[in-house]
Protein backbone atom coordinates (compact mmCIF):
# COMPACT_ATOMS: atom_id res chain seq x y z
CA MET A 1 6.70 -15.18 24.56
CA THR A 2 10.16 -13.91 23.66
CA ILE A 3 12.10 -16.18 21.39
CA SER A 4 15.40 -15.53 19.66
CA GLY A 5 15.98 -16.03 15.99
CA ALA A 6 18.22 -19.00 16.83
CA GLY A 7 15.39 -20.42 18.95
CA ILE A 8 12.90 -20.10 16.09
CA ARG A 9 15.34 -21.82 13.75
CA ARG A 10 16.07 -24.61 16.25
CA MET A 11 12.37 -25.29 16.92
CA ARG A 12 11.61 -25.25 13.18
CA LEU A 13 14.44 -27.67 12.39
CA LEU A 14 13.44 -30.02 15.23
CA ARG A 15 10.12 -30.38 13.44
CA SER A 16 11.75 -30.87 10.03
CA MET A 17 9.86 -27.80 8.85
CA LYS A 18 10.99 -25.61 5.99
CA GLN A 19 10.90 -21.83 6.35
CA GLY A 20 8.27 -21.67 3.59
CA HIS A 21 5.95 -24.02 5.46
CA LEU A 22 6.29 -22.11 8.72
CA ALA A 23 5.61 -18.93 6.74
CA GLU A 24 2.39 -20.50 5.36
CA LEU A 25 1.25 -21.45 8.86
CA LEU A 26 1.87 -17.91 10.11
CA GLY A 27 0.47 -16.08 7.07
CA VAL A 28 3.77 -14.40 6.14
CA ASN A 29 6.32 -14.96 3.39
CA GLN A 30 9.48 -17.05 3.64
CA ALA A 31 11.69 -13.94 3.69
CA THR A 32 9.98 -12.79 6.90
CA VAL A 33 10.79 -16.09 8.62
CA SER A 34 14.38 -15.75 7.42
CA ARG A 35 14.62 -12.24 8.90
CA TRP A 36 13.16 -13.47 12.22
CA GLU A 37 15.74 -16.25 12.36
CA ARG A 38 18.56 -13.74 11.75
CA ASP A 39 17.11 -11.40 14.43
CA GLN A 40 16.60 -8.70 11.77
CA LEU A 41 12.85 -8.44 12.38
CA ALA A 42 10.79 -8.73 15.55
CA LEU A 43 7.63 -10.79 15.76
CA SER A 44 4.36 -9.06 16.57
CA ALA A 45 2.52 -10.24 19.69
CA GLU A 46 -0.01 -12.07 17.47
CA GLN A 47 2.77 -13.77 15.46
CA ALA A 48 4.56 -14.81 18.66
CA ALA A 49 1.32 -16.33 20.00
CA LYS A 50 0.77 -18.26 16.76
CA LEU A 51 4.38 -19.42 16.79
CA GLU A 52 4.02 -20.61 20.37
CA ARG A 53 0.89 -22.63 19.46
CA ILE A 54 2.70 -24.22 16.51
CA PHE A 55 5.85 -25.07 18.45
CA SER A 56 4.09 -26.21 21.62
CA SER A 57 1.65 -28.51 19.85
CA GLN A 58 2.33 -32.20 20.30
CA GLN A 59 4.11 -33.61 17.32
CA HIS A 60 2.33 -36.71 16.08
CA ALA A 61 4.28 -37.55 12.95
CA THR A 62 3.13 -41.15 13.26
CA VAL A 63 -0.49 -39.97 13.05
CA ASP A 64 0.28 -38.03 9.86
CA ALA A 65 2.10 -41.07 8.46
CA ALA A 66 -0.93 -43.24 9.25
CA LEU A 67 -3.24 -40.73 7.56
CA LYS A 68 -1.01 -40.68 4.49
CA ARG A 69 -0.98 -44.47 4.41
CA LEU A 70 -4.77 -44.64 4.72
CA VAL A 71 -5.19 -42.16 1.86
CA GLU A 72 -2.69 -43.99 -0.36
CA ASP A 73 -4.24 -47.41 0.39
CA SER A 74 -7.85 -46.29 -0.04
CA VAL A 75 -9.87 -48.14 -2.69
CA ARG A 76 -11.84 -44.93 -3.32
CA PRO A 77 -10.69 -41.94 -5.36
CA VAL A 78 -9.40 -39.69 -2.60
CA HIS A 79 -6.61 -37.19 -2.11
CA LEU A 80 -5.32 -34.99 0.71
CA ILE A 81 -4.32 -31.36 0.21
CA CYS A 82 -3.18 -28.52 2.44
CA ASP A 83 -6.41 -26.67 3.21
CA ARG A 84 -4.79 -23.26 2.83
CA THR A 85 -2.50 -23.67 -0.17
CA HIS A 86 -4.14 -26.63 -1.97
CA ARG A 87 -0.74 -28.38 -2.16
CA LEU A 88 -1.17 -32.08 -2.81
CA LEU A 89 -0.01 -34.14 0.19
CA SER A 90 -1.18 -37.64 -0.78
CA ALA A 91 -3.45 -39.48 -3.22
CA SER A 92 -5.00 -42.93 -3.52
CA ARG A 93 -4.24 -45.20 -6.48
CA PRO A 94 -7.78 -44.83 -7.87
CA ARG A 95 -7.36 -41.03 -7.78
CA GLN A 96 -3.93 -41.26 -9.44
CA ALA A 97 -5.47 -43.45 -12.17
CA GLU A 98 -7.72 -40.52 -13.15
CA TRP A 99 -4.70 -38.29 -13.79
CA ARG A 100 -2.64 -38.26 -16.99
CA ALA A 101 0.70 -37.63 -15.26
CA PRO A 102 2.49 -39.45 -12.44
CA LEU A 103 1.88 -38.50 -8.81
CA GLY A 104 5.29 -36.79 -8.69
CA ALA A 105 4.10 -34.19 -11.18
CA PHE A 106 1.50 -32.96 -8.67
CA LEU A 107 2.88 -33.84 -5.21
CA GLY A 108 3.71 -30.71 -3.21
CA ARG A 109 2.08 -28.43 -5.80
CA SER A 110 -1.19 -26.55 -5.63
CA LEU A 111 -4.01 -28.29 -7.47
CA PHE A 112 -6.23 -25.21 -7.48
CA SER A 113 -5.31 -24.27 -11.04
CA TYR A 114 -7.08 -27.48 -12.14
CA ALA A 115 -10.34 -26.62 -10.34
CA SER A 116 -13.61 -26.62 -12.25
CA ALA A 117 -15.90 -23.58 -11.98
CA GLU A 118 -18.00 -25.49 -9.42
CA ILE A 119 -14.96 -26.29 -7.28
CA ALA A 120 -13.79 -22.67 -7.43
CA ALA A 121 -17.28 -21.53 -6.37
CA ALA A 122 -17.30 -24.00 -3.46
CA GLU A 123 -13.88 -22.70 -2.41
CA GLN A 124 -15.19 -19.12 -2.46
CA SER A 125 -18.13 -20.12 -0.25
CA LEU A 126 -15.88 -21.51 2.50
CA GLU A 127 -15.09 -18.16 4.14
CA GLU A 128 -18.69 -17.17 4.74
CA SER A 129 -19.64 -20.68 5.85
CA GLY A 130 -17.08 -20.61 8.69
CA TRP A 131 -14.94 -23.39 7.24
CA HIS A 132 -11.62 -21.83 8.29
CA GLU A 133 -12.90 -21.15 11.81
CA GLY A 134 -14.01 -24.78 12.19
CA ARG A 135 -17.77 -24.08 12.18
CA LEU A 136 -18.10 -26.34 9.12
CA SER A 137 -16.02 -29.51 8.95
CA SER A 138 -17.32 -31.10 5.76
CA LEU A 139 -18.95 -30.02 2.53
CA THR A 140 -20.47 -32.14 -0.25
CA PHE A 141 -21.14 -30.68 -3.71
CA ASP A 142 -21.16 -31.42 -7.46
CA THR A 143 -17.80 -30.87 -9.14
CA GLY A 144 -18.54 -30.17 -12.79
CA THR A 145 -15.82 -30.78 -15.39
CA ASN A 146 -12.62 -28.81 -15.82
CA GLY A 147 -11.73 -29.78 -19.41
CA ASN A 148 -8.08 -30.30 -18.47
CA ALA A 149 -6.26 -33.16 -20.21
CA LEU A 150 -3.47 -33.50 -17.60
CA LEU A 151 -5.63 -33.61 -14.47
CA PRO A 152 -9.21 -34.15 -15.68
CA ILE A 153 -12.14 -33.67 -13.34
CA ALA A 154 -15.34 -35.37 -14.45
CA ASP A 155 -18.89 -34.50 -13.47
CA GLY A 156 -19.36 -36.01 -10.05
CA ARG A 157 -19.92 -35.42 -6.39
CA VAL A 158 -17.22 -34.93 -3.78
CA THR A 159 -16.95 -34.44 -0.06
CA TRP A 160 -14.35 -32.15 1.49
CA GLU A 161 -13.42 -32.87 5.11
CA ARG A 162 -11.17 -30.72 7.32
CA ILE A 163 -8.42 -32.63 9.12
CA MET A 164 -5.91 -31.19 11.58
CA LEU A 165 -2.31 -32.18 10.86
CA SER A 166 0.40 -32.56 13.48
CA ASP A 167 2.17 -29.33 12.56
CA GLY A 168 -0.93 -27.31 13.38
CA SER A 169 -2.00 -26.82 9.79
CA THR A 170 -5.26 -28.08 8.33
CA GLY A 171 -5.58 -30.65 5.60
CA ARG A 172 -8.54 -31.26 3.35
CA LEU A 173 -9.55 -34.78 2.45
CA VAL A 174 -11.21 -34.81 -0.99
CA THR A 175 -13.30 -37.94 -1.65
CA THR A 176 -15.30 -38.68 -4.79
CA ILE A 177 -18.64 -40.12 -3.70
CA GLY A 178 -20.47 -40.34 -6.98
């Protein structure tokens, strides 16, 4: 696939996608996307193939909106993050009630810095379990506490579930089950 910098920019903007988000999906930094769009840097064959998959995927923004609504309206403590970056995408009211700051303080930001030792260990185990390749689609484990006053995590049990989002990225649904 040969695509011009203007073509990359046009396709990205048609999907209301920021350069930084496209960079995350492609495993590069935002400056690389900027250089592609200005025709200052050529894409590798692998990058072009990934870009084609992202841009040719059906856009189901209504499905993402429904998912967000389901998360926000859930009566259970649940939140949705970007599987790769841990950025918070959505949270239920019961989950927000556990936090000591408003949703806006966390939305769009990585929550990984708040992880307990048990959560960090579970995250480390994902690579060898085949999580990112789709061989494992859910994981249930004990969280442990994090001792953080702003976003406290209590001893409990959670389930992580992988969910594909319309832009080709993967989300992670985090549900407290006990």
